Amino acid sequence: MMHRNIGELLNRRRVVSLPAGASVRDAARQMKAAHVASVVVTASVDEQIEGIFTERDLTDRVVADGLDPDHTPLSEVMTPCPVTAGPDITVGEALRRMTDNGLRHLPVVRDGHLVGVISMRDFMGEELTRIEHERELMDSLTEVIM
């Protein structure tokens, strides 16, 4: 399971992308319509990834801070320059990248173009359990060394 690549996970998910100037309300509507929990923010000219906006950003950066979703552009509340991955990395490497960086969503890019987004929900329990076990082992080794 851990040796399959993340490209195999992409067929099940629709990618939602919006320009940085789109409003938070537009992003929330697009996420609801597509049944996804993130929007990739792209430059309108070349579709370069500028950031990612997630449900967590909506709650932590918009709602909790009392911002108006109709007048707040994604550029003000997105996570800029997100960590990305190519479709050929293994599921194990993607999970490590996500857990090491505290991510729930990982944009997948091929030849500079967005091809999908994977989320923690895409992984099977066995894969998550293995990564958690590896993290516990690393934490234990760190404590012994220090």
Protein backbone atom coordinates (compact mmCIF):
# COMPACT_ATOMS: atom_id res chain seq x y z
CA MET A 1 0.00 0.00 0.00
CA MET A 2 2.72 2.49 0.96
CA HIS A 3 4.51 1.97 -2.36
CA ARG A 4 1.70 3.08 -4.66
CA ASN A 5 2.06 6.60 -5.96
CA ILE A 6 -0.23 9.51 -5.20
CA GLY A 7 -1.16 9.87 -8.87
CA GLU A 8 -3.37 6.82 -8.32
CA LEU A 9 -5.42 8.80 -5.79
CA LEU A 10 -6.17 11.72 -8.09
CA ASN A 11 -8.93 10.21 -10.19
CA ARG A 12 -11.39 10.43 -7.32
CA ARG A 13 -11.11 14.16 -6.59
CA ARG A 14 -12.16 17.29 -8.40
CA VAL A 15 -9.74 20.21 -8.23
CA VAL A 16 -11.13 23.63 -7.47
CA SER A 17 -8.98 26.64 -8.27
CA LEU A 18 -9.67 30.36 -8.11
CA PRO A 19 -7.62 33.52 -8.66
CA ALA A 20 -6.15 35.32 -5.66
CA GLY A 21 -8.65 38.16 -6.03
CA ALA A 22 -11.69 35.91 -5.63
CA SER A 23 -13.63 36.41 -2.42
CA VAL A 24 -13.72 34.00 0.47
CA ARG A 25 -17.47 33.63 -0.15
CA ASP A 26 -16.76 32.51 -3.74
CA ALA A 27 -14.26 29.97 -2.44
CA ALA A 28 -16.69 28.62 0.16
CA ARG A 29 -19.41 28.24 -2.48
CA GLN A 30 -17.04 26.43 -4.85
CA MET A 31 -15.85 24.10 -2.09
CA LYS A 32 -19.45 23.29 -1.13
CA ALA A 33 -20.51 22.65 -4.72
CA ALA A 34 -17.54 20.37 -5.39
CA HIS A 35 -17.66 18.64 -1.97
CA VAL A 36 -14.01 19.48 -1.29
CA ALA A 37 -12.25 21.14 1.63
CA SER A 38 -9.73 23.27 -0.24
CA VAL A 39 -9.28 25.69 -3.11
CA VAL A 40 -5.97 26.11 -4.88
CA VAL A 41 -5.25 29.78 -5.49
CA THR A 42 -3.69 30.36 -8.89
CA ALA A 43 -2.39 33.24 -10.95
CA SER A 44 -5.02 33.94 -13.57
CA VAL A 45 -2.51 34.31 -16.40
CA ASP A 46 -0.38 31.16 -16.16
CA GLU A 47 -2.20 29.04 -13.58
CA GLN A 48 0.88 29.07 -11.32
CA ILE A 49 0.01 28.06 -7.77
CA GLU A 50 0.10 31.07 -5.47
CA GLY A 51 -1.49 29.49 -2.41
CA ILE A 52 -4.12 27.23 -0.95
CA PHE A 53 -7.24 28.09 1.01
CA THR A 54 -8.78 25.41 3.22
CA GLU A 55 -11.66 24.93 5.62
CA ARG A 56 -9.17 25.52 8.42
CA ASP A 57 -8.24 28.90 6.91
CA LEU A 58 -11.94 29.75 6.69
CA THR A 59 -12.48 29.13 10.39
CA ASP A 60 -9.15 30.39 11.74
CA ARG A 61 -8.41 33.35 9.49
CA VAL A 62 -11.84 34.55 8.44
CA VAL A 63 -14.60 33.61 10.87
CA ALA A 64 -12.51 33.73 14.06
CA ASP A 65 -11.05 37.10 13.05
CA GLY A 66 -14.46 38.55 12.12
CA LEU A 67 -13.60 39.21 8.47
CA ASP A 68 -16.34 39.77 5.89
CA PRO A 69 -16.22 36.81 3.46
CA ASP A 70 -17.79 38.92 0.70
CA HIS A 71 -15.05 41.54 0.85
CA THR A 72 -12.01 39.47 1.83
CA PRO A 73 -9.91 38.25 -1.10
CA LEU A 74 -8.26 34.86 -0.91
CA SER A 75 -4.86 36.53 -1.19
CA GLU A 76 -5.32 37.92 2.35
CA VAL A 77 -6.20 34.63 4.05
CA MET A 78 -4.63 31.85 1.97
CA THR A 79 -1.53 29.89 2.86
CA PRO A 80 1.00 31.24 0.34
CA CYS A 81 3.53 29.07 -1.53
CA PRO A 82 2.13 25.74 -0.35
CA VAL A 83 4.14 22.57 -0.18
CA THR A 84 3.45 20.53 -3.33
CA ALA A 85 4.33 17.12 -4.70
CA GLY A 86 4.64 15.38 -8.03
CA PRO A 87 2.20 12.58 -8.90
CA ASP A 88 4.96 9.97 -8.89
CA ILE A 89 5.94 10.18 -5.22
CA THR A 90 4.79 7.31 -3.05
CA VAL A 91 1.87 7.46 -0.69
CA GLY A 92 4.32 7.01 2.18
CA GLU A 93 6.41 9.99 1.10
CA ALA A 94 3.28 12.14 0.63
CA LEU A 95 2.06 11.24 4.11
CA ARG A 96 5.45 12.06 5.61
CA ARG A 97 5.51 15.39 3.81
CA MET A 98 2.02 16.19 5.03
CA THR A 99 2.61 15.17 8.65
CA ASP A 100 6.03 16.85 8.82
CA ASN A 101 4.48 20.12 7.63
CA GLY A 102 1.16 19.86 9.51
CA LEU A 103 -0.86 19.67 6.28
CA ARG A 104 -4.25 18.19 5.53
CA HIS A 105 -4.11 19.01 1.80
CA LEU A 106 -1.29 18.59 -0.70
CA PRO A 107 -1.48 20.09 -4.21
CA VAL A 108 -0.10 17.75 -6.86
CA VAL A 109 1.82 19.36 -9.71
CA ARG A 110 3.18 17.92 -12.97
CA ASP A 111 5.42 20.03 -15.22
CA GLY A 112 4.43 23.16 -13.33
CA HIS A 113 0.69 22.55 -13.77
CA LEU A 114 -1.80 21.65 -11.07
CA VAL A 115 -3.17 18.14 -11.65
CA GLY A 116 -4.93 17.52 -8.36
CA VAL A 117 -5.08 17.80 -4.61
CA ILE A 118 -4.85 14.95 -2.15
CA SER A 119 -6.08 15.16 1.40
CA MET A 120 -5.67 13.09 4.52
CA ARG A 121 -9.10 11.66 3.78
CA ASP A 122 -7.67 9.96 0.68
CA PHE A 123 -5.42 7.66 2.67
CA MET A 124 -6.35 4.32 4.13
CA GLY A 125 -6.16 3.58 7.84
CA GLU A 126 -3.22 1.20 7.44
CA GLU A 127 -1.14 3.90 5.78
CA LEU A 128 -1.92 6.46 8.48
CA THR A 129 -1.19 3.97 11.25
CA ARG A 130 2.20 3.16 9.74
CA ILE A 131 3.19 6.83 9.53
CA GLU A 132 2.04 7.44 13.12
CA HIS A 133 4.11 4.46 14.27
CA GLU A 134 7.18 5.80 12.44
CA ARG A 135 6.69 9.22 14.05
CA GLU A 136 6.43 7.64 17.53
CA LEU A 137 9.66 5.73 16.91
CA MET A 138 11.44 8.89 15.80
CA ASP A 139 10.16 10.77 18.84
CA SER A 140 11.39 7.97 21.12
CA LEU A 141 14.82 8.00 19.48
CA THR A 142 15.03 11.78 19.83
CA GLU A 143 14.28 11.53 23.56
CA VAL A 144 16.95 8.86 24.02
CA ILE A 145 19.56 10.90 22.15
CA MET A 146 18.86 14.08 24.12
